[in-house]
Amino acid sequence: MRRFGVFSLVAPLVLLLLAAPAAAHGADGALALETQTTNDPATVEIRARLTYANDDEPAPGASVTVDGTGPKGESLASETMTAAGAGIYTATLQLPASGTWTLRVTASTPNAVAEIEYSTAAAATTTTASGAGTVSEPATNSTTEDESNTWVLPAALGAVIVILAGGATLILRKRAHHRG
């Protein structure tokens, strides 16, 4: 009987701690895009910040690609973006023609799509971005302490539930012992 009491106290806490981080993220993501002109106007650096749409936490380890359509309908082959950490992905693209290009970034796990326009004549950073049905501002930093500790509240609530369940178990056992 004593083993059951200890198990009833520990098992829910372990399950809660294991499940809380996984339950925090959804399948949908959001992308914020930036482009940066290099010394060569036909070369553009693109930066994407991928977050989970439901909690805005960075999404590292995703598959992220970029492709594009040129001013005369020409296509830019899809290229895999490089992970730079904390949900940031980068690529440097060589545009084969001058004019305004529509660059499309596609991410999976979480899923998101965003487009940004880039003109080879532009001399400044372009920061128009949209993705996954939402418009996002470009990232200014990676993650904050608050974003990385979203498991604390569910864990605290789980601990309270476990303590209450354990107390109830002890009371019921004590009552059963006094009756018998």
C-alpha atoms as a PDB file:
ATOM      1  CA  MET A   1       0.000   0.000   0.000  1.00  0.00           C
ATOM      2  CA  ARG A   2       2.853   2.361   0.810  1.00  0.00           C
ATOM      3  CA  ARG A   3       4.430   1.869  -2.631  1.00  0.00           C
ATOM      4  CA  PHE A   4       1.156   2.824  -4.299  1.00  0.00           C
ATOM      5  CA  GLY A   5       1.080   6.084  -2.299  1.00  0.00           C
ATOM      6  CA  VAL A   6       4.602   7.043  -3.375  1.00  0.00           C
ATOM      7  CA  PHE A   7       3.857   6.071  -6.986  1.00  0.00           C
ATOM      8  CA  SER A   8       0.662   8.146  -6.971  1.00  0.00           C
ATOM      9  CA  LEU A   9       2.728  11.148  -5.865  1.00  0.00           C
ATOM     10  CA  VAL A  10       5.668  10.773  -8.253  1.00  0.00           C
ATOM     11  CA  ALA A  11       4.090   9.452 -11.480  1.00  0.00           C
ATOM     12  CA  PRO A  12       1.872  12.481 -12.275  1.00  0.00           C
ATOM     13  CA  LEU A  13       4.769  14.874 -11.688  1.00  0.00           C
ATOM     14  CA  VAL A  14       7.088  12.923 -13.997  1.00  0.00           C
ATOM     15  CA  LEU A  15       4.411  12.747 -16.703  1.00  0.00           C
ATOM     16  CA  LEU A  16       3.701  16.464 -16.406  1.00  0.00           C
ATOM     17  CA  LEU A  17       7.367  17.430 -16.636  1.00  0.00           C
ATOM     18  CA  LEU A  18       7.866  15.231 -19.696  1.00  0.00           C
ATOM     19  CA  ALA A  19       4.707  16.411 -21.465  1.00  0.00           C
ATOM     20  CA  ALA A  20       4.804  20.160 -20.702  1.00  0.00           C
ATOM     21  CA  PRO A  21       7.565  21.202 -23.144  1.00  0.00           C
ATOM     22  CA  ALA A  22       6.196  19.063 -25.982  1.00  0.00           C
ATOM     23  CA  ALA A  23       2.664  20.384 -25.561  1.00  0.00           C
ATOM     24  CA  ALA A  24       3.816  23.996 -25.730  1.00  0.00           C
ATOM     25  CA  HIS A  25       4.429  24.024 -29.499  1.00  0.00           C
ATOM     26  CA  GLY A  26       2.048  23.595 -32.396  1.00  0.00           C
ATOM     27  CA  ALA A  27       2.515  22.551 -36.016  1.00  0.00           C
ATOM     28  CA  ASP A  28       2.173  26.102 -37.372  1.00  0.00           C
ATOM     29  CA  GLY A  29       5.029  28.556 -37.524  1.00  0.00           C
ATOM     30  CA  ALA A  30       5.535  32.224 -38.315  1.00  0.00           C
ATOM     31  CA  LEU A  31       8.380  33.725 -40.327  1.00  0.00           C
ATOM     32  CA  ALA A  32       9.913  37.187 -40.097  1.00  0.00           C
ATOM     33  CA  LEU A  33      12.176  38.048 -43.030  1.00  0.00           C
ATOM     34  CA  GLU A  34      14.912  40.594 -43.685  1.00  0.00           C
ATOM     35  CA  THR A  35      17.084  41.208 -46.711  1.00  0.00           C
ATOM     36  CA  GLN A  36      20.429  42.956 -46.708  1.00  0.00           C
ATOM     37  CA  THR A  37      22.187  44.361 -49.752  1.00  0.00           C
ATOM     38  CA  THR A  38      25.815  43.338 -50.138  1.00  0.00           C
ATOM     39  CA  ASN A  39      28.572  45.139 -52.072  1.00  0.00           C
ATOM     40  CA  ASP A  40      27.238  43.471 -55.220  1.00  0.00           C
ATOM     41  CA  PRO A  41      23.621  44.611 -55.857  1.00  0.00           C
ATOM     42  CA  ALA A  42      22.861  41.266 -57.548  1.00  0.00           C
ATOM     43  CA  THR A  43      23.759  39.423 -54.336  1.00  0.00           C
ATOM     44  CA  VAL A  44      21.298  39.484 -51.458  1.00  0.00           C
ATOM     45  CA  GLU A  45      21.570  38.116 -47.954  1.00  0.00           C
ATOM     46  CA  ILE A  46      18.248  36.894 -46.580  1.00  0.00           C
ATOM     47  CA  ARG A  47      17.594  36.215 -42.908  1.00  0.00           C
ATOM     48  CA  ALA A  48      14.519  34.377 -41.598  1.00  0.00           C
ATOM     49  CA  ARG A  49      13.405  34.087 -37.997  1.00  0.00           C
ATOM     50  CA  LEU A  50      11.145  31.055 -37.537  1.00  0.00           C
ATOM     51  CA  THR A  51       8.982  30.840 -34.429  1.00  0.00           C
ATOM     52  CA  TYR A  52       6.094  28.667 -33.314  1.00  0.00           C
ATOM     53  CA  ALA A  53       2.876  30.549 -34.086  1.00  0.00           C
ATOM     54  CA  ASN A  54       1.131  29.670 -30.822  1.00  0.00           C
ATOM     55  CA  ASP A  55       3.826  30.847 -28.397  1.00  0.00           C
ATOM     56  CA  ASP A  56       6.382  32.846 -30.449  1.00  0.00           C
ATOM     57  CA  GLU A  57       9.261  30.633 -29.272  1.00  0.00           C
ATOM     58  CA  PRO A  58      12.191  30.122 -31.687  1.00  0.00           C
ATOM     59  CA  ALA A  59      11.976  27.002 -33.871  1.00  0.00           C
ATOM     60  CA  PRO A  60      15.460  25.550 -34.349  1.00  0.00           C
ATOM     61  CA  GLY A  61      16.031  22.377 -36.364  1.00  0.00           C
ATOM     62  CA  ALA A  62      13.415  23.066 -39.040  1.00  0.00           C
ATOM     63  CA  SER A  63      13.816  22.499 -42.758  1.00  0.00           C
ATOM     64  CA  VAL A  64      13.886  25.983 -44.333  1.00  0.00           C
ATOM     65  CA  THR A  65      14.302  26.799 -48.036  1.00  0.00           C
ATOM     66  CA  VAL A  66      14.214  29.944 -50.154  1.00  0.00           C
ATOM     67  CA  ASP A  67      13.320  30.383 -53.822  1.00  0.00           C
ATOM     68  CA  GLY A  68      12.345  33.358 -55.934  1.00  0.00           C
ATOM     69  CA  THR A  69      10.584  34.821 -58.928  1.00  0.00           C
ATOM     70  CA  GLY A  70      12.211  37.575 -60.972  1.00  0.00           C
ATOM     71  CA  PRO A  71      10.782  40.696 -62.617  1.00  0.00           C
ATOM     72  CA  LYS A  72      10.212  38.881 -65.936  1.00  0.00           C
ATOM     73  CA  GLY A  73       8.879  35.661 -64.396  1.00  0.00           C
ATOM     74  CA  GLU A  74      12.267  33.933 -64.201  1.00  0.00           C
ATOM     75  CA  SER A  75      12.708  31.430 -61.362  1.00  0.00           C
ATOM     76  CA  LEU A  76      15.436  31.182 -58.773  1.00  0.00           C
ATOM     77  CA  ALA A  77      16.095  27.551 -57.783  1.00  0.00           C
ATOM     78  CA  SER A  78      15.179  26.518 -54.253  1.00  0.00           C
ATOM     79  CA  GLU A  79      18.092  26.696 -51.829  1.00  0.00           C
ATOM     80  CA  THR A  80      18.331  25.279 -48.316  1.00  0.00           C
ATOM     81  CA  MET A  81      18.926  27.984 -45.736  1.00  0.00           C
ATOM     82  CA  THR A  82      21.637  27.571 -43.098  1.00  0.00           C
ATOM     83  CA  ALA A  83      20.617  27.377 -39.431  1.00  0.00           C
ATOM     84  CA  ALA A  84      22.308  30.124 -37.411  1.00  0.00           C
ATOM     85  CA  GLY A  85      20.789  29.110 -34.054  1.00  0.00           C
ATOM     86  CA  ALA A  86      17.755  30.214 -32.016  1.00  0.00           C
ATOM     87  CA  GLY A  87      15.359  29.818 -34.958  1.00  0.00           C
ATOM     88  CA  ILE A  88      17.416  32.035 -37.306  1.00  0.00           C
ATOM     89  CA  TYR A  89      18.130  30.810 -40.848  1.00  0.00           C
ATOM     90  CA  THR A  90      20.270  32.570 -43.481  1.00  0.00           C
ATOM     91  CA  ALA A  91      21.164  32.317 -47.158  1.00  0.00           C
ATOM     92  CA  THR A  92      23.114  34.393 -49.674  1.00  0.00           C
ATOM     93  CA  LEU A  93      21.515  34.469 -53.114  1.00  0.00           C
ATOM     94  CA  GLN A  94      22.982  35.485 -56.457  1.00  0.00           C
ATOM     95  CA  LEU A  95      20.171  36.996 -58.537  1.00  0.00           C
ATOM     96  CA  PRO A  96      20.640  36.375 -62.277  1.00  0.00           C
ATOM     97  CA  ALA A  97      18.773  39.512 -63.445  1.00  0.00           C
ATOM     98  CA  SER A  98      18.264  43.045 -62.165  1.00  0.00           C
ATOM     99  CA  GLY A  99      14.880  44.312 -61.011  1.00  0.00           C
ATOM    100  CA  THR A 100      12.450  43.459 -58.232  1.00  0.00           C
ATOM    101  CA  TRP A 101      12.440  39.850 -57.042  1.00  0.00           C
ATOM    102  CA  THR A 102       9.878  38.093 -54.867  1.00  0.00           C
ATOM    103  CA  LEU A 103      11.745  35.795 -52.490  1.00  0.00           C
ATOM    104  CA  ARG A 104       9.691  33.032 -50.830  1.00  0.00           C
ATOM    105  CA  VAL A 105      10.833  31.236 -47.686  1.00  0.00           C
ATOM    106  CA  THR A 106       9.191  27.923 -46.838  1.00  0.00           C
ATOM    107  CA  ALA A 107       9.628  26.118 -43.518  1.00  0.00           C
ATOM    108  CA  SER A 108       8.475  22.735 -42.327  1.00  0.00           C
ATOM    109  CA  THR A 109       8.204  21.530 -38.741  1.00  0.00           C
ATOM    110  CA  PRO A 110       6.772  24.031 -37.920  1.00  0.00           C
ATOM    111  CA  ASN A 111       5.075  24.918 -41.194  1.00  0.00           C
ATOM    112  CA  ALA A 112       5.237  28.493 -42.467  1.00  0.00           C
ATOM    113  CA  VAL A 113       5.571  30.421 -45.727  1.00  0.00           C
ATOM    114  CA  ALA A 114       6.536  34.077 -46.154  1.00  0.00           C
ATOM    115  CA  GLU A 115       7.500  36.338 -49.036  1.00  0.00           C
ATOM    116  CA  ILE A 116       9.572  39.473 -49.275  1.00  0.00           C
ATOM    117  CA  GLU A 117      10.400  41.716 -52.219  1.00  0.00           C
ATOM    118  CA  TYR A 118      13.961  42.702 -53.003  1.00  0.00           C
ATOM    119  CA  SER A 119      15.141  45.122 -55.675  1.00  0.00           C
ATOM    120  CA  THR A 120      18.668  44.760 -57.021  1.00  0.00           C
ATOM    121  CA  ALA A 121      18.792  48.567 -57.196  1.00  0.00           C
ATOM    122  CA  ALA A 122      18.077  48.927 -53.451  1.00  0.00           C
ATOM    123  CA  ALA A 123      20.893  50.185 -51.282  1.00  0.00           C
ATOM    124  CA  ALA A 124      19.232  49.744 -47.895  1.00  0.00           C
ATOM    125  CA  THR A 125      17.811  46.868 -45.893  1.00  0.00           C
ATOM    126  CA  THR A 126      14.269  45.839 -46.827  1.00  0.00           C
ATOM    127  CA  THR A 127      12.093  44.614 -43.967  1.00  0.00           C
ATOM    128  CA  THR A 128       8.674  43.792 -45.440  1.00  0.00           C
ATOM    129  CA  ALA A 129       7.609  40.368 -44.237  1.00  0.00           C
ATOM    130  CA  SER A 130       4.589  38.120 -44.026  1.00  0.00           C
ATOM    131  CA  GLY A 131       4.188  34.527 -43.089  1.00  0.00           C
ATOM    132  CA  ALA A 132       1.765  31.757 -42.194  1.00  0.00           C
ATOM    133  CA  GLY A 133      -1.245  34.024 -42.339  1.00  0.00           C
ATOM    134  CA  THR A 134       0.308  36.563 -39.997  1.00  0.00           C
ATOM    135  CA  VAL A 135       2.528  39.578 -40.514  1.00  0.00           C
ATOM    136  CA  SER A 136       5.631  39.530 -38.383  1.00  0.00           C
ATOM    137  CA  GLU A 137       8.206  42.174 -37.679  1.00  0.00           C
ATOM    138  CA  PRO A 138      11.852  41.292 -38.329  1.00  0.00           C
ATOM    139  CA  ALA A 139      13.668  39.768 -35.401  1.00  0.00           C
ATOM    140  CA  THR A 140      15.869  42.075 -33.365  1.00  0.00           C
ATOM    141  CA  ASN A 141      17.143  39.440 -30.965  1.00  0.00           C
ATOM    142  CA  SER A 142      16.988  35.693 -30.650  1.00  0.00           C
ATOM    143  CA  THR A 143      15.368  34.479 -27.448  1.00  0.00           C
ATOM    144  CA  THR A 144      14.735  35.951 -24.045  1.00  0.00           C
ATOM    145  CA  GLU A 145      14.731  34.248 -20.688  1.00  0.00           C
ATOM    146  CA  ASP A 146      10.931  34.500 -20.524  1.00  0.00           C
ATOM    147  CA  GLU A 147      10.534  32.669 -23.854  1.00  0.00           C
ATOM    148  CA  SER A 148      12.838  29.833 -22.834  1.00  0.00           C
ATOM    149  CA  ASN A 149      11.144  29.157 -19.476  1.00  0.00           C
ATOM    150  CA  THR A 150       7.567  28.458 -20.567  1.00  0.00           C
ATOM    151  CA  TRP A 151       7.666  25.093 -18.807  1.00  0.00           C
ATOM    152  CA  VAL A 152       7.899  26.652 -15.323  1.00  0.00           C
ATOM    153  CA  LEU A 153       4.194  27.462 -14.890  1.00  0.00           C
ATOM    154  CA  PRO A 154       2.921  24.017 -15.986  1.00  0.00           C
ATOM    155  CA  ALA A 155       5.535  22.362 -13.770  1.00  0.00           C
ATOM    156  CA  ALA A 156       4.516  24.486 -10.761  1.00  0.00           C
ATOM    157  CA  LEU A 157       0.844  23.722 -11.338  1.00  0.00           C
ATOM    158  CA  GLY A 158       1.691  20.031 -11.680  1.00  0.00           C
ATOM    159  CA  ALA A 159       3.591  20.119  -8.396  1.00  0.00           C
ATOM    160  CA  VAL A 160       0.605  21.684  -6.639  1.00  0.00           C
ATOM    161  CA  ILE A 161      -1.713  19.022  -8.094  1.00  0.00           C
ATOM    162  CA  VAL A 162       0.652  16.251  -7.008  1.00  0.00           C
ATOM    163  CA  ILE A 163       0.901  17.671  -3.487  1.00  0.00           C
ATOM    164  CA  LEU A 164      -2.887  17.950  -3.220  1.00  0.00           C
ATOM    165  CA  ALA A 165      -3.346  14.414  -4.575  1.00  0.00           C
ATOM    166  CA  GLY A 166      -0.760  13.097  -2.144  1.00  0.00           C
ATOM    167  CA  GLY A 167      -2.442  14.860   0.769  1.00  0.00           C
ATOM    168  CA  ALA A 168      -5.820  13.477  -0.246  1.00  0.00           C
ATOM    169  CA  THR A 169      -4.326   9.971  -0.488  1.00  0.00           C
ATOM    170  CA  LEU A 170      -2.833  10.265   3.001  1.00  0.00           C
ATOM    171  CA  ILE A 171      -6.134  11.505   4.463  1.00  0.00           C
ATOM    172  CA  LEU A 172      -8.077   8.678   2.843  1.00  0.00           C
ATOM    173  CA  ARG A 173      -5.562   6.102   4.057  1.00  0.00           C
ATOM    174  CA  LYS A 174      -5.697   7.524   7.570  1.00  0.00           C
ATOM    175  CA  ARG A 175      -9.528   7.384   7.577  1.00  0.00           C
ATOM    176  CA  ALA A 176      -9.480   3.816   6.245  1.00  0.00           C
ATOM    177  CA  HIS A 177      -6.954   2.820   8.932  1.00  0.00           C
ATOM    178  CA  HIS A 178      -9.121   4.311  11.732  1.00  0.00           C
ATOM    179  CA  ARG A 179     -12.246   2.521  10.444  1.00  0.00           C
ATOM    180  CA  GLY A 180     -10.546  -0.856  10.234  1.00  0.00           C
END
